[in-house]
Amino acid sequence: MVTNVSIKGFDEFVEFTNRIDPNGPPVLFYFDSKLPDGVTSWCPDCVVAEPVVRACLNDVKKDLIFVHVDCGPRDFYRDPQCVFRTDGRSKIRRIPTLLRWKGPRLEEAECIDRDKLAKLFES
């Protein structure tokens, strides 16, 4: 069973990572960025990837925690010094990024590759 969580911003990301149970189900973080409406992304790759990622989640047969992380407004995320880019817990180079906590990641177009998504979700 997939548990869905939505968080916004780096502080909430840090709070969440500090509470991860190392003996619990795998945690996957999906990083993107939304417009102020909170629904639409300014990132065209995110607009394409999110429905594919969510559809693949429906096929997951094991327990995992899926955490959607809104990285903030475009100007904030695009800054080379953005904390999501520089902090060792995330090190996001591109969005969308799907990151297995302390494991592999998929970036941009990889996030629409159903085989890669299935492998990441089931590993």
PDB file of N, CA and C in Angstrom:
ATOM      1  N   MET A   1       0.835  -1.177   0.000  1.00  0.00           N
ATOM      2  CA  MET A   1       0.000   0.000   0.000  1.00  0.00           C
ATOM      3  C   MET A   1       0.885   1.248   0.000  1.00  0.00           C
ATOM      4  N   VAL A   2       0.538   2.197  -0.832  1.00  0.00           N
ATOM      5  CA  VAL A   2       1.288   3.442  -0.934  1.00  0.00           C
ATOM      6  C   VAL A   2       0.658   4.473  -0.005  1.00  0.00           C
ATOM      7  N   THR A   3       1.477   5.077   0.827  1.00  0.00           N
ATOM      8  CA  THR A   3       1.053   6.193   1.665  1.00  0.00           C
ATOM      9  C   THR A   3       1.529   7.468   0.990  1.00  0.00           C
ATOM     10  N   ASN A   4       0.607   8.369   0.675  1.00  0.00           N
ATOM     11  CA  ASN A   4       0.935   9.628   0.002  1.00  0.00           C
ATOM     12  C   ASN A   4       1.044  10.759   1.012  1.00  0.00           C
ATOM     13  N   VAL A   5       2.101  11.536   0.872  1.00  0.00           N
ATOM     14  CA  VAL A   5       2.342  12.687   1.741  1.00  0.00           C
ATOM     15  C   VAL A   5       2.706  13.863   0.837  1.00  0.00           C
ATOM     16  N   SER A   6       2.219  15.049   1.154  1.00  0.00           N
ATOM     17  CA  SER A   6       2.603  16.260   0.421  1.00  0.00           C
ATOM     18  C   SER A   6       3.258  17.232   1.394  1.00  0.00           C
ATOM     19  N   ILE A   7       4.408  17.751   1.001  1.00  0.00           N
ATOM     20  CA  ILE A   7       5.083  18.757   1.813  1.00  0.00           C
ATOM     21  C   ILE A   7       5.491  19.910   0.908  1.00  0.00           C
ATOM     22  N   LYS A   8       5.682  21.058   1.533  1.00  0.00           N
ATOM     23  CA  LYS A   8       6.041  22.248   0.778  1.00  0.00           C
ATOM     24  C   LYS A   8       7.241  22.910   1.430  1.00  0.00           C
ATOM     25  N   GLY A   9       8.272  23.082   0.648  1.00  0.00           N
ATOM     26  CA  GLY A   9       9.430  23.816   1.116  1.00  0.00           C
ATOM     27  C   GLY A   9      10.469  22.957   1.821  1.00  0.00           C
ATOM     28  N   PHE A  10      11.630  23.552   1.971  1.00  0.00           N
ATOM     29  CA  PHE A  10      12.767  22.821   2.510  1.00  0.00           C
ATOM     30  C   PHE A  10      12.617  22.494   3.993  1.00  0.00           C
ATOM     31  N   ASP A  11      12.061  23.401   4.765  1.00  0.00           N
ATOM     32  CA  ASP A  11      11.911  23.135   6.197  1.00  0.00           C
ATOM     33  C   ASP A  11      11.050  21.901   6.440  1.00  0.00           C
ATOM     34  N   GLU A  12       9.944  21.780   5.713  1.00  0.00           N
ATOM     35  CA  GLU A  12       9.085  20.604   5.866  1.00  0.00           C
ATOM     36  C   GLU A  12       9.804  19.348   5.390  1.00  0.00           C
ATOM     37  N   PHE A  13      10.616  19.481   4.347  1.00  0.00           N
ATOM     38  CA  PHE A  13      11.412  18.351   3.865  1.00  0.00           C
ATOM     39  C   PHE A  13      12.362  17.864   4.960  1.00  0.00           C
ATOM     40  N   VAL A  14      13.075  18.796   5.586  1.00  0.00           N
ATOM     41  CA  VAL A  14      14.013  18.430   6.647  1.00  0.00           C
ATOM     42  C   VAL A  14      13.275  17.774   7.811  1.00  0.00           C
ATOM     43  N   GLU A  15      12.151  18.368   8.232  1.00  0.00           N
ATOM     44  CA  GLU A  15      11.366  17.778   9.324  1.00  0.00           C
ATOM     45  C   GLU A  15      10.966  16.347   8.984  1.00  0.00           C
ATOM     46  N   PHE A  16      10.521  16.133   7.760  1.00  0.00           N
ATOM     47  CA  PHE A  16      10.101  14.794   7.360  1.00  0.00           C
ATOM     48  C   PHE A  16      11.281  13.825   7.377  1.00  0.00           C
ATOM     49  N   THR A  17      12.412  14.228   6.806  1.00  0.00           N
ATOM     50  CA  THR A  17      13.561  13.317   6.750  1.00  0.00           C
ATOM     51  C   THR A  17      14.066  12.970   8.141  1.00  0.00           C
ATOM     52  N   ASN A  18      13.930  13.893   9.080  1.00  0.00           N
ATOM     53  CA  ASN A  18      14.367  13.611  10.448  1.00  0.00           C
ATOM     54  C   ASN A  18      13.503  12.567  11.139  1.00  0.00           C
ATOM     55  N   ARG A  19      12.297  12.333  10.612  1.00  0.00           N
ATOM     56  CA  ARG A  19      11.381  11.365  11.228  1.00  0.00           C
ATOM     57  C   ARG A  19      11.315  10.034  10.486  1.00  0.00           C
ATOM     58  N   ILE A  20      12.118   9.850   9.448  1.00  0.00           N
ATOM     59  CA  ILE A  20      12.061   8.601   8.683  1.00  0.00           C
ATOM     60  C   ILE A  20      12.521   7.438   9.559  1.00  0.00           C
ATOM     61  N   ASP A  21      11.711   6.401   9.600  1.00  0.00           N
ATOM     62  CA  ASP A  21      12.038   5.189  10.346  1.00  0.00           C
ATOM     63  C   ASP A  21      12.924   4.315   9.457  1.00  0.00           C
ATOM     64  N   PRO A  22      14.179   4.087   9.855  1.00  0.00           N
ATOM     65  CA  PRO A  22      15.063   3.282   9.009  1.00  0.00           C
ATOM     66  C   PRO A  22      14.581   1.838   8.858  1.00  0.00           C
ATOM     67  N   ASN A  23      13.697   1.393   9.743  1.00  0.00           N
ATOM     68  CA  ASN A  23      13.152   0.039   9.653  1.00  0.00           C
ATOM     69  C   ASN A  23      11.761   0.027   9.018  1.00  0.00           C
ATOM     70  N   GLY A  24      11.296   1.196   8.587  1.00  0.00           N
ATOM     71  CA  GLY A  24       9.965   1.316   8.001  1.00  0.00           C
ATOM     72  C   GLY A  24       9.990   1.064   6.507  1.00  0.00           C
ATOM     73  N   PRO A  25       8.863   1.324   5.860  1.00  0.00           N
ATOM     74  CA  PRO A  25       8.793   1.120   4.408  1.00  0.00           C
ATOM     75  C   PRO A  25       9.704   2.110   3.674  1.00  0.00           C
ATOM     76  N   PRO A  26      10.076   1.775   2.445  1.00  0.00           N
ATOM     77  CA  PRO A  26      10.900   2.695   1.656  1.00  0.00           C
ATOM     78  C   PRO A  26      10.186   4.040   1.484  1.00  0.00           C
ATOM     79  N   VAL A  27      10.989   5.102   1.401  1.00  0.00           N
ATOM     80  CA  VAL A  27      10.457   6.450   1.204  1.00  0.00           C
ATOM     81  C   VAL A  27      11.000   6.970  -0.120  1.00  0.00           C
ATOM     82  N   LEU A  28      10.066   7.428  -0.959  1.00  0.00           N
ATOM     83  CA  LEU A  28      10.444   8.039  -2.235  1.00  0.00           C
ATOM     84  C   LEU A  28       9.953   9.470  -2.257  1.00  0.00           C
ATOM     85  N   PHE A  29      10.840  10.378  -2.631  1.00  0.00           N
ATOM     86  CA  PHE A  29      10.518  11.797  -2.719  1.00  0.00           C
ATOM     87  C   PHE A  29      10.398  12.189  -4.185  1.00  0.00           C
ATOM     88  N   TYR A  30       9.302  12.850  -4.506  1.00  0.00           N
ATOM     89  CA  TYR A  30       9.094  13.387  -5.852  1.00  0.00           C
ATOM     90  C   TYR A  30       9.166  14.903  -5.753  1.00  0.00           C
ATOM     91  N   PHE A  31      10.219  15.491  -6.322  1.00  0.00           N
ATOM     92  CA  PHE A  31      10.449  16.927  -6.260  1.00  0.00           C
ATOM     93  C   PHE A  31       9.959  17.591  -7.539  1.00  0.00           C
ATOM     94  N   ASP A  32       9.130  18.608  -7.369  1.00  0.00           N
ATOM     95  CA  ASP A  32       8.736  19.462  -8.474  1.00  0.00           C
ATOM     96  C   ASP A  32       8.476  20.853  -7.910  1.00  0.00           C
ATOM     97  N   SER A  33       7.890  21.703  -8.715  1.00  0.00           N
ATOM     98  CA  SER A  33       7.627  23.063  -8.268  1.00  0.00           C
ATOM     99  C   SER A  33       6.317  23.524  -8.879  1.00  0.00           C
ATOM    100  N   LYS A  34       5.497  24.137  -8.065  1.00  0.00           N
ATOM    101  CA  LYS A  34       4.171  24.573  -8.500  1.00  0.00           C
ATOM    102  C   LYS A  34       4.102  26.091  -8.608  1.00  0.00           C
ATOM    103  N   LEU A  35       3.140  26.541  -9.402  1.00  0.00           N
ATOM    104  CA  LEU A  35       2.805  27.959  -9.437  1.00  0.00           C
ATOM    105  C   LEU A  35       2.064  28.302  -8.144  1.00  0.00           C
ATOM    106  N   PRO A  36       1.852  29.580  -7.871  1.00  0.00           N
ATOM    107  CA  PRO A  36       1.157  29.960  -6.634  1.00  0.00           C
ATOM    108  C   PRO A  36      -0.221  29.321  -6.455  1.00  0.00           C
ATOM    109  N   ASP A  37      -0.853  28.843  -7.547  1.00  0.00           N
ATOM    110  CA  ASP A  37      -2.158  28.183  -7.386  1.00  0.00           C
ATOM    111  C   ASP A  37      -2.035  26.834  -6.683  1.00  0.00           C
ATOM    112  N   GLY A  38      -0.793  26.314  -6.555  1.00  0.00           N
ATOM    113  CA  GLY A  38      -0.565  25.060  -5.861  1.00  0.00           C
ATOM    114  C   GLY A  38      -0.954  23.829  -6.654  1.00  0.00           C
ATOM    115  N   VAL A  39      -1.414  24.007  -7.872  1.00  0.00           N
ATOM    116  CA  VAL A  39      -1.884  22.890  -8.686  1.00  0.00           C
ATOM    117  C   VAL A  39      -1.019  22.720  -9.934  1.00  0.00           C
ATOM    118  N   THR A  40      -0.797  23.799 -10.634  1.00  0.00           N
ATOM    119  CA  THR A  40      -0.096  23.791 -11.914  1.00  0.00           C
ATOM    120  C   THR A  40       1.399  23.992 -11.693  1.00  0.00           C
ATOM    121  N   SER A  41       2.202  23.276 -12.459  1.00  0.00           N
ATOM    122  CA  SER A  41       3.644  23.466 -12.394  1.00  0.00           C
ATOM    123  C   SER A  41       4.092  24.412 -13.495  1.00  0.00           C
ATOM    124  N   TRP A  42       5.090  25.227 -13.213  1.00  0.00           N
ATOM    125  CA  TRP A  42       5.691  26.081 -14.238  1.00  0.00           C
ATOM    126  C   TRP A  42       6.655  25.265 -15.087  1.00  0.00           C
ATOM    127  N   CYS A  43       7.002  24.072 -14.631  1.00  0.00           N
ATOM    128  CA  CYS A  43       7.993  23.223 -15.291  1.00  0.00           C
ATOM    129  C   CYS A  43       7.302  22.268 -16.270  1.00  0.00           C
ATOM    130  N   PRO A  44       7.568  22.396 -17.574  1.00  0.00           N
ATOM    131  CA  PRO A  44       6.891  21.530 -18.541  1.00  0.00           C
ATOM    132  C   PRO A  44       7.193  20.041 -18.332  1.00  0.00           C
ATOM    133  N   ASP A  45       8.418  19.706 -17.934  1.00  0.00           N
ATOM    134  CA  ASP A  45       8.749  18.303 -17.676  1.00  0.00           C
ATOM    135  C   ASP A  45       7.944  17.743 -16.502  1.00  0.00           C
ATOM    136  N   CYS A  46       7.687  18.591 -15.510  1.00  0.00           N
ATOM    137  CA  CYS A  46       6.890  18.167 -14.353  1.00  0.00           C
ATOM    138  C   CYS A  46       5.444  17.921 -14.750  1.00  0.00           C
ATOM    139  N   VAL A  47       4.926  18.768 -15.617  1.00  0.00           N
ATOM    140  CA  VAL A  47       3.541  18.620 -16.080  1.00  0.00           C
ATOM    141  C   VAL A  47       3.370  17.269 -16.771  1.00  0.00           C
ATOM    142  N   VAL A  48       4.361  16.861 -17.553  1.00  0.00           N
ATOM    143  CA  VAL A  48       4.305  15.586 -18.264  1.00  0.00           C
ATOM    144  C   VAL A  48       4.542  14.416 -17.305  1.00  0.00           C
ATOM    145  N   ALA A  49       5.488  14.545 -16.402  1.00  0.00           N
ATOM    146  CA  ALA A  49       5.908  13.420 -15.565  1.00  0.00           C
ATOM    147  C   ALA A  49       4.925  13.073 -14.448  1.00  0.00           C
ATOM    148  N   GLU A  50       4.346  14.056 -13.800  1.00  0.00           N
ATOM    149  CA  GLU A  50       3.556  13.752 -12.608  1.00  0.00           C
ATOM    150  C   GLU A  50       2.433  12.745 -12.861  1.00  0.00           C
ATOM    151  N   PRO A  51       1.635  12.886 -13.925  1.00  0.00           N
ATOM    152  CA  PRO A  51       0.580  11.878 -14.117  1.00  0.00           C
ATOM    153  C   PRO A  51       1.136  10.476 -14.409  1.00  0.00           C
ATOM    154  N   VAL A  52       2.285  10.392 -15.055  1.00  0.00           N
ATOM    155  CA  VAL A  52       2.899   9.087 -15.335  1.00  0.00           C
ATOM    156  C   VAL A  52       3.382   8.463 -14.033  1.00  0.00           C
ATOM    157  N   VAL A  53       4.049   9.247 -13.215  1.00  0.00           N
ATOM    158  CA  VAL A  53       4.533   8.755 -11.924  1.00  0.00           C
ATOM    159  C   VAL A  53       3.359   8.271 -11.080  1.00  0.00           C
ATOM    160  N   ARG A  54       2.317   9.067 -11.004  1.00  0.00           N
ATOM    161  CA  ARG A  54       1.156   8.691 -10.175  1.00  0.00           C
ATOM    162  C   ARG A  54       0.453   7.447 -10.729  1.00  0.00           C
ATOM    163  N   ALA A  55       0.390   7.310 -12.040  1.00  0.00           N
ATOM    164  CA  ALA A  55      -0.219   6.107 -12.623  1.00  0.00           C
ATOM    165  C   ALA A  55       0.600   4.867 -12.281  1.00  0.00           C
ATOM    166  N   CYS A  56       1.919   4.983 -12.329  1.00  0.00           N
ATOM    167  CA  CYS A  56       2.775   3.845 -11.980  1.00  0.00           C
ATOM    168  C   CYS A  56       2.656   3.490 -10.497  1.00  0.00           C
ATOM    169  N   LEU A  57       2.398   4.476  -9.670  1.00  0.00           N
ATOM    170  CA  LEU A  57       2.199   4.204  -8.240  1.00  0.00           C
ATOM    171  C   LEU A  57       1.013   3.267  -8.022  1.00  0.00           C
ATOM    172  N   ASN A  58       0.015   3.359  -8.875  1.00  0.00           N
ATOM    173  CA  ASN A  58      -1.163   2.504  -8.743  1.00  0.00           C
ATOM    174  C   ASN A  58      -0.829   1.026  -8.909  1.00  0.00           C
ATOM    175  N   ASP A  59       0.298   0.714  -9.555  1.00  0.00           N
ATOM    176  CA  ASP A  59       0.705  -0.674  -9.773  1.00  0.00           C
ATOM    177  C   ASP A  59       1.600  -1.220  -8.666  1.00  0.00           C
ATOM    178  N   VAL A  60       1.986  -0.387  -7.721  1.00  0.00           N
ATOM    179  CA  VAL A  60       2.892  -0.815  -6.653  1.00  0.00           C
ATOM    180  C   VAL A  60       2.159  -1.775  -5.724  1.00  0.00           C
ATOM    181  N   LYS A  61       2.793  -2.908  -5.455  1.00  0.00           N
ATOM    182  CA  LYS A  61       2.177  -3.956  -4.628  1.00  0.00           C
ATOM    183  C   LYS A  61       2.748  -4.017  -3.215  1.00  0.00           C
ATOM    184  N   LYS A  62       3.730  -3.208  -2.914  1.00  0.00           N
ATOM    185  CA  LYS A  62       4.336  -3.271  -1.592  1.00  0.00           C
ATOM    186  C   LYS A  62       4.143  -1.950  -0.859  1.00  0.00           C
ATOM    187  N   ASP A  63       4.425  -1.962   0.422  1.00  0.00           N
ATOM    188  CA  ASP A  63       4.318  -0.744   1.220  1.00  0.00           C
ATOM    189  C   ASP A  63       5.448   0.207   0.859  1.00  0.00           C
ATOM    190  N   LEU A  64       5.090   1.451   0.644  1.00  0.00           N
ATOM    191  CA  LEU A  64       6.089   2.504   0.497  1.00  0.00           C
ATOM    192  C   LEU A  64       5.425   3.841   0.801  1.00  0.00           C
ATOM    193  N   ILE A  65       6.255   4.817   1.088  1.00  0.00           N
ATOM    194  CA  ILE A  65       5.787   6.171   1.364  1.00  0.00           C
ATOM    195  C   ILE A  65       6.224   7.041   0.199  1.00  0.00           C
ATOM    196  N   PHE A  66       5.252   7.685  -0.439  1.00  0.00           N
ATOM    197  CA  PHE A  66       5.512   8.566  -1.568  1.00  0.00           C
ATOM    198  C   PHE A  66       5.289  10.000  -1.102  1.00  0.00           C
ATOM    199  N   VAL A  67       6.353  10.797  -1.141  1.00  0.00           N
ATOM    200  CA  VAL A  67       6.309  12.159  -0.629  1.00  0.00           C
ATOM    201  C   VAL A  67       6.477  13.142  -1.785  1.00  0.00           C
ATOM    202  N   HIS A  68       5.421  13.906  -2.042  1.00  0.00           N
ATOM    203  CA  HIS A  68       5.489  14.960  -3.054  1.00  0.00           C
ATOM    204  C   HIS A  68       6.076  16.202  -2.372  1.00  0.00           C
ATOM    205  N   VAL A  69       7.170  16.728  -2.916  1.00  0.00           N
ATOM    206  CA  VAL A  69       7.834  17.901  -2.351  1.00  0.00           C
ATOM    207  C   VAL A  69       7.743  19.054  -3.348  1.00  0.00           C
ATOM    208  N   ASP A  70       7.048  20.109  -2.952  1.00  0.00           N
ATOM    209  CA  ASP A  70       6.997  21.333  -3.748  1.00  0.00           C
ATOM    210  C   ASP A  70       8.230  22.149  -3.375  1.00  0.00           C
ATOM    211  N   CYS A  71       9.115  22.327  -4.352  1.00  0.00           N
ATOM    212  CA  CYS A  71      10.388  23.029  -4.107  1.00  0.00           C
ATOM    213  C   CYS A  71      10.259  24.545  -4.055  1.00  0.00           C
ATOM    214  N   GLY A  72       9.065  25.068  -4.262  1.00  0.00           N
ATOM    215  CA  GLY A  72       8.878  26.513  -4.185  1.00  0.00           C
ATOM    216  C   GLY A  72       8.796  27.168  -5.551  1.00  0.00           C
ATOM    217  N   PRO A  73       8.699  28.489  -5.556  1.00  0.00           N
ATOM    218  CA  PRO A  73       8.538  29.234  -6.808  1.00  0.00           C
ATOM    219  C   PRO A  73       9.737  29.063  -7.747  1.00  0.00           C
ATOM    220  N   ARG A  74       9.493  29.330  -9.005  1.00  0.00           N
ATOM    221  CA  ARG A  74      10.513  29.162 -10.042  1.00  0.00           C
ATOM    222  C   ARG A  74      11.795  29.924  -9.710  1.00  0.00           C
ATOM    223  N   ASP A  75      11.701  31.183  -9.357  1.00  0.00           N
ATOM    224  CA  ASP A  75      12.898  31.981  -9.065  1.00  0.00           C
ATOM    225  C   ASP A  75      13.699  31.400  -7.910  1.00  0.00           C
ATOM    226  N   PHE A  76      13.008  30.886  -6.901  1.00  0.00           N
ATOM    227  CA  PHE A  76      13.690  30.268  -5.763  1.00  0.00           C
ATOM    228  C   PHE A  76      14.425  29.008  -6.211  1.00  0.00           C
ATOM    229  N   TYR A  77      13.727  28.127  -6.922  1.00  0.00           N
ATOM    230  CA  TYR A  77      14.335  26.869  -7.336  1.00  0.00           C
ATOM    231  C   TYR A  77      15.482  27.085  -8.329  1.00  0.00           C
ATOM    232  N   ARG A  78      15.330  28.031  -9.259  1.00  0.00           N
ATOM    233  CA  ARG A  78      16.330  28.242 -10.307  1.00  0.00           C
ATOM    234  C   ARG A  78      17.622  28.880  -9.795  1.00  0.00           C
ATOM    235  N   ASP A  79      17.597  29.444  -8.610  1.00  0.00           N
ATOM    236  CA  ASP A  79      18.808  30.023  -8.015  1.00  0.00           C
ATOM    237  C   ASP A  79      19.830  28.901  -7.789  1.00  0.00           C
ATOM    238  N   PRO A  80      21.058  29.045  -8.312  1.00  0.00           N
ATOM    239  CA  PRO A  80      22.073  28.003  -8.112  1.00  0.00           C
ATOM    240  C   PRO A  80      22.359  27.709  -6.635  1.00  0.00           C
ATOM    241  N   GLN A  81      22.052  28.662  -5.773  1.00  0.00           N
ATOM    242  CA  GLN A  81      22.274  28.457  -4.340  1.00  0.00           C
ATOM    243  C   GLN A  81      21.024  27.955  -3.615  1.00  0.00           C
ATOM    244  N   CYS A  82      20.001  27.575  -4.361  1.00  0.00           N
ATOM    245  CA  CYS A  82      18.785  27.023  -3.758  1.00  0.00           C
ATOM    246  C   CYS A  82      19.162  25.861  -2.847  1.00  0.00           C
ATOM    247  N   VAL A  83      18.622  25.865  -1.656  1.00  0.00           N
ATOM    248  CA  VAL A  83      18.986  24.858  -0.662  1.00  0.00           C
ATOM    249  C   VAL A  83      18.653  23.439  -1.132  1.00  0.00           C
ATOM    250  N   PHE A  84      17.637  23.260  -1.953  1.00  0.00           N
ATOM    251  CA  PHE A  84      17.349  21.929  -2.493  1.00  0.00           C
ATOM    252  C   PHE A  84      18.482  21.447  -3.399  1.00  0.00           C
ATOM    253  N   ARG A  85      19.187  22.394  -4.015  1.00  0.00           N
ATOM    254  CA  ARG A  85      20.307  22.057  -4.890  1.00  0.00           C
ATOM    255  C   ARG A  85      21.587  21.791  -4.100  1.00  0.00           C
ATOM    256  N   THR A  86      21.760  22.491  -2.988  1.00  0.00           N
ATOM    257  CA  THR A  86      23.041  22.457  -2.288  1.00  0.00           C
ATOM    258  C   THR A  86      23.076  21.509  -1.093  1.00  0.00           C
ATOM    259  N   ASP A  87      21.930  21.203  -0.512  1.00  0.00           N
ATOM    260  CA  ASP A  87      21.915  20.361   0.681  1.00  0.00           C
ATOM    261  C   ASP A  87      22.142  18.888   0.314  1.00  0.00           C
ATOM    262  N   GLY A  88      22.959  18.210   1.090  1.00  0.00           N
ATOM    263  CA  GLY A  88      23.303  16.815   0.818  1.00  0.00           C
ATOM    264  C   GLY A  88      22.142  15.841   0.882  1.00  0.00           C
ATOM    265  N   ARG A  89      21.066  16.201   1.560  1.00  0.00           N
ATOM    266  CA  ARG A  89      19.914  15.295   1.640  1.00  0.00           C
ATOM    267  C   ARG A  89      19.142  15.228   0.336  1.00  0.00           C
ATOM    268  N   SER A  90      19.228  16.276  -0.465  1.00  0.00           N
ATOM    269  CA  SER A  90      18.446  16.303  -1.701  1.00  0.00           C
ATOM    270  C   SER A  90      19.343  16.397  -2.937  1.00  0.00           C
ATOM    271  N   LYS A  91      20.229  17.365  -2.997  1.00  0.00           N
ATOM    272  CA  LYS A  91      21.132  17.572  -4.149  1.00  0.00           C
ATOM    273  C   LYS A  91      20.378  17.511  -5.479  1.00  0.00           C
ATOM    274  N   ILE A  92      19.263  18.241  -5.559  1.00  0.00           N
ATOM    275  CA  ILE A  92      18.446  18.239  -6.769  1.00  0.00           C
ATOM    276  C   ILE A  92      19.133  19.071  -7.844  1.00  0.00           C
ATOM    277  N   ARG A  93      19.382  18.457  -8.979  1.00  0.00           N
ATOM    278  CA  ARG A  93      19.997  19.157 -10.111  1.00  0.00           C
ATOM    279  C   ARG A  93      18.945  19.571 -11.117  1.00  0.00           C
ATOM    280  N   ARG A  94      17.870  18.789 -11.209  1.00  0.00           N
ATOM    281  CA  ARG A  94      16.809  19.032 -12.182  1.00  0.00           C
ATOM    282  C   ARG A  94      15.480  18.640 -11.556  1.00  0.00           C
ATOM    283  N   ILE A  95      14.408  19.225 -12.080  1.00  0.00           N
ATOM    284  CA  ILE A  95      13.093  18.739 -11.701  1.00  0.00           C
ATOM    285  C   ILE A  95      12.356  18.352 -12.967  1.00  0.00           C
ATOM    286  N   PRO A  96      11.521  17.363 -12.885  1.00  0.00           N
ATOM    287  CA  PRO A  96      11.235  16.579 -11.695  1.00  0.00           C
ATOM    288  C   PRO A  96      12.374  15.621 -11.359  1.00  0.00           C
ATOM    289  N   THR A  97      12.461  15.299 -10.086  1.00  0.00           N
ATOM    290  CA  THR A  97      13.372  14.269  -9.604  1.00  0.00           C
ATOM    291  C   THR A  97      12.584  13.350  -8.686  1.00  0.00           C
ATOM    292  N   LEU A  98      12.760  12.061  -8.882  1.00  0.00           N
ATOM    293  CA  LEU A  98      12.187  11.052  -8.000  1.00  0.00           C
ATOM    294  C   LEU A  98      13.355  10.372  -7.315  1.00  0.00           C
ATOM    295  N   LEU A  99      13.415  10.498  -6.003  1.00  0.00           N
ATOM    296  CA  LEU A  99      14.564  10.054  -5.225  1.00  0.00           C
ATOM    297  C   LEU A  99      14.131   9.038  -4.182  1.00  0.00           C
ATOM    298  N   ARG A 100      14.741   7.858  -4.227  1.00  0.00           N
ATOM    299  CA  ARG A 100      14.557   6.898  -3.137  1.00  0.00           C
ATOM    300  C   ARG A 100      15.494   7.338  -2.023  1.00  0.00           C
ATOM    301  N   TRP A 101      14.957   7.507  -0.814  1.00  0.00           N
ATOM    302  CA  TRP A 101      15.752   7.993   0.305  1.00  0.00           C
ATOM    303  C   TRP A 101      16.993   7.130   0.466  1.00  0.00           C
ATOM    304  N   LYS A 102      18.152   7.777   0.411  1.00  0.00           N
ATOM    305  CA  LYS A 102      19.461   7.136   0.519  1.00  0.00           C
ATOM    306  C   LYS A 102      19.665   6.073  -0.548  1.00  0.00           C
ATOM    307  N   GLY A 103      19.118   6.348  -1.743  1.00  0.00           N
ATOM    308  CA  GLY A 103      19.235   5.392  -2.836  1.00  0.00           C
ATOM    309  C   GLY A 103      19.254   6.083  -4.182  1.00  0.00           C
ATOM    310  N   PRO A 104      18.894   5.337  -5.220  1.00  0.00           N
ATOM    311  CA  PRO A 104      18.951   5.894  -6.578  1.00  0.00           C
ATOM    312  C   PRO A 104      17.887   6.955  -6.832  1.00  0.00           C
ATOM    313  N   ARG A 105      18.031   7.621  -7.949  1.00  0.00           N
ATOM    314  CA  ARG A 105      17.103   8.681  -8.348  1.00  0.00           C
ATOM    315  C   ARG A 105      16.850   8.626  -9.844  1.00  0.00           C
ATOM    316  N   LEU A 106      15.730   9.213 -10.232  1.00  0.00           N
ATOM    317  CA  LEU A 106      15.407   9.459 -11.629  1.00  0.00           C
ATOM    318  C   LEU A 106      15.236  10.959 -11.789  1.00  0.00           C
ATOM    319  N   GLU A 107      15.688  11.488 -12.933  1.00  0.00           N
ATOM    320  CA  GLU A 107      15.604  12.924 -13.175  1.00  0.00           C
ATOM    321  C   GLU A 107      14.977  13.198 -14.534  1.00  0.00           C
ATOM    322  N   GLU A 108      14.219  14.285 -14.598  1.00  0.00           N
ATOM    323  CA  GLU A 108      13.591  14.806 -15.815  1.00  0.00           C
ATOM    324  C   GLU A 108      12.921  13.704 -16.623  1.00  0.00           C
ATOM    325  N   ALA A 109      13.378  13.469 -17.854  1.00  0.00           N
ATOM    326  CA  ALA A 109      12.711  12.523 -18.760  1.00  0.00           C
ATOM    327  C   ALA A 109      12.706  11.097 -18.226  1.00  0.00           C
ATOM    328  N   GLU A 110      13.634  10.756 -17.341  1.00  0.00           N
ATOM    329  CA  GLU A 110      13.616   9.416 -16.742  1.00  0.00           C
ATOM    330  C   GLU A 110      12.324   9.182 -15.953  1.00  0.00           C
ATOM    331  N   CYS A 111      11.714  10.263 -15.499  1.00  0.00           N
ATOM    332  CA  CYS A 111      10.494  10.166 -14.688  1.00  0.00           C
ATOM    333  C   CYS A 111       9.257   9.810 -15.508  1.00  0.00           C
ATOM    334  N   ILE A 112       9.410   9.684 -16.824  1.00  0.00           N
ATOM    335  CA  ILE A 112       8.275   9.215 -17.632  1.00  0.00           C
ATOM    336  C   ILE A 112       8.558   7.835 -18.222  1.00  0.00           C
ATOM    337  N   ASP A 113       9.676   7.259 -17.867  1.00  0.00           N
ATOM    338  CA  ASP A 113      10.032   5.918 -18.326  1.00  0.00           C
ATOM    339  C   ASP A 113       9.407   4.904 -17.362  1.00  0.00           C
ATOM    340  N   ARG A 114       8.324   4.265 -17.798  1.00  0.00           N
ATOM    341  CA  ARG A 114       7.563   3.369 -16.927  1.00  0.00           C
ATOM    342  C   ARG A 114       8.407   2.202 -16.407  1.00  0.00           C
ATOM    343  N   ASP A 115       9.336   1.693 -17.202  1.00  0.00           N
ATOM    344  CA  ASP A 115      10.196   0.597 -16.740  1.00  0.00           C
ATOM    345  C   ASP A 115      11.121   1.063 -15.625  1.00  0.00           C
ATOM    346  N   LYS A 116      11.711   2.226 -15.794  1.00  0.00           N
ATOM    347  CA  LYS A 116      12.590   2.767 -14.747  1.00  0.00           C
ATOM    348  C   LYS A 116      11.799   3.089 -13.485  1.00  0.00           C
ATOM    349  N   LEU A 117      10.582   3.625 -13.655  1.00  0.00           N
ATOM    350  CA  LEU A 117       9.748   3.920 -12.500  1.00  0.00           C
ATOM    351  C   LEU A 117       9.399   2.634 -11.747  1.00  0.00           C
ATOM    352  N   ALA A 118       8.978   1.618 -12.475  1.00  0.00           N
ATOM    353  CA  ALA A 118       8.617   0.350 -11.829  1.00  0.00           C
ATOM    354  C   ALA A 118       9.804  -0.228 -11.079  1.00  0.00           C
ATOM    355  N   LYS A 119      10.966  -0.178 -11.674  1.00  0.00           N
ATOM    356  CA  LYS A 119      12.173  -0.702 -11.021  1.00  0.00           C
ATOM    357  C   LYS A 119      12.461   0.062  -9.733  1.00  0.00           C
ATOM    358  N   LEU A 120      12.347   1.390  -9.781  1.00  0.00           N
ATOM    359  CA  LEU A 120      12.621   2.191  -8.598  1.00  0.00           C
ATOM    360  C   LEU A 120      11.576   1.925  -7.513  1.00  0.00           C
ATOM    361  N   PHE A 121      10.311   1.827  -7.892  1.00  0.00           N
ATOM    362  CA  PHE A 121       9.242   1.599  -6.908  1.00  0.00           C
ATOM    363  C   PHE A 121       9.354   0.212  -6.279  1.00  0.00           C
ATOM    364  N   GLU A 122       9.767  -0.771  -7.033  1.00  0.00           N
ATOM    365  CA  GLU A 122       9.767  -2.157  -6.533  1.00  0.00           C
ATOM    366  C   GLU A 122      11.087  -2.590  -5.926  1.00  0.00           C
ATOM    367  N   SER A 123      12.144  -1.791  -6.085  1.00  0.00           N
ATOM    368  CA  SER A 123      13.459  -2.205  -5.547  1.00  0.00           C
ATOM    369  C   SER A 123      13.512  -2.052  -4.036  1.00  0.00           C
TER     370      SER A 123
END
